Amino acid sequence: MLPKLRDADLLLFEYIAVGFSPIAICVLMNEKIENIYNKKSRLKSKIQNSLSPRKSEILGLLTK
């Protein structure tokens, strides 16, 4: 379903999909807020460029 993702990308996707705030994700991943926003942007690009037939559904989880 998802394109091949690194473990850190998959973890970020999971945190976003379940509704954690960016601040909570920062604490959980021990990252700065800017890094989380940059990683989320790169993750969205990877998914948009994938061949997954369900990419619009997956992207919807990142923008709720």
Protein backbone atom coordinates (compact mmCIF):
# COMPACT_ATOMS: atom_id res chain seq x y z
CA MET A 1 0.00 0.00 0.00
CA LEU A 2 2.68 2.52 0.98
CA PRO A 3 5.79 3.08 -1.10
CA LYS A 4 9.00 1.73 0.35
CA LEU A 5 9.63 3.89 3.41
CA ARG A 6 12.42 4.05 5.93
CA ASP A 7 11.51 3.07 9.48
CA ALA A 8 11.64 6.71 10.62
CA ASP A 9 9.29 7.76 7.78
CA LEU A 10 6.85 4.99 8.64
CA LEU A 11 6.93 5.95 12.31
CA LEU A 12 6.24 9.59 11.41
CA PHE A 13 3.35 8.51 9.18
CA GLU A 14 1.88 6.43 12.01
CA TYR A 15 2.12 9.30 14.51
CA ILE A 16 0.44 11.70 12.10
CA ALA A 17 -2.24 9.18 11.09
CA VAL A 18 -3.31 8.57 14.69
CA GLY A 19 -3.59 12.30 15.29
CA PHE A 20 -0.55 13.26 17.36
CA SER A 21 0.26 16.96 17.27
CA PRO A 22 3.55 18.13 15.75
CA ILE A 23 4.76 19.03 19.25
CA ALA A 24 3.98 15.54 20.56
CA ILE A 25 5.76 14.02 17.57
CA CYS A 26 8.81 16.19 18.33
CA VAL A 27 8.95 14.81 21.84
CA LEU A 28 8.43 11.21 20.74
CA MET A 29 10.99 11.37 17.94
CA ASN A 30 13.42 13.68 19.75
CA GLU A 31 13.42 16.13 16.81
CA LYS A 32 13.00 19.87 16.36
CA ILE A 33 9.66 21.11 15.03
CA GLU A 34 11.28 22.30 11.79
CA ASN A 35 12.63 18.81 11.16
CA ILE A 36 9.20 17.27 11.66
CA TYR A 37 7.61 19.63 9.14
CA ASN A 38 10.42 18.98 6.63
CA LYS A 39 10.14 15.21 7.09
CA LYS A 40 6.37 15.39 6.67
CA SER A 41 6.80 17.34 3.44
CA ARG A 42 9.29 14.79 2.07
CA LEU A 43 6.99 11.96 3.13
CA LYS A 44 4.07 13.53 1.26
CA SER A 45 6.24 13.87 -1.85
CA LYS A 46 7.30 10.23 -1.68
CA ILE A 47 3.68 9.14 -1.45
CA GLN A 48 2.52 11.49 -4.22
CA ASN A 49 5.22 10.15 -6.52
CA SER A 50 4.46 6.53 -5.71
CA LEU A 51 2.48 4.15 -7.89
CA SER A 52 0.19 3.15 -5.04
CA PRO A 53 -3.43 2.94 -6.18
CA ARG A 54 -4.52 4.21 -2.75
CA LYS A 55 -2.19 7.20 -2.51
CA SER A 56 -5.00 9.76 -2.28
CA GLU A 57 -6.44 7.85 0.67
CA ILE A 58 -3.00 7.66 2.31
CA LEU A 59 -2.35 11.37 1.72
CA GLY A 60 -5.71 12.10 3.33
CA LEU A 61 -4.38 10.62 6.55
CA LEU A 62 -1.53 13.12 6.50
CA THR A 63 -3.73 16.17 6.05
CA LYS A 64 -6.51 15.58 8.55
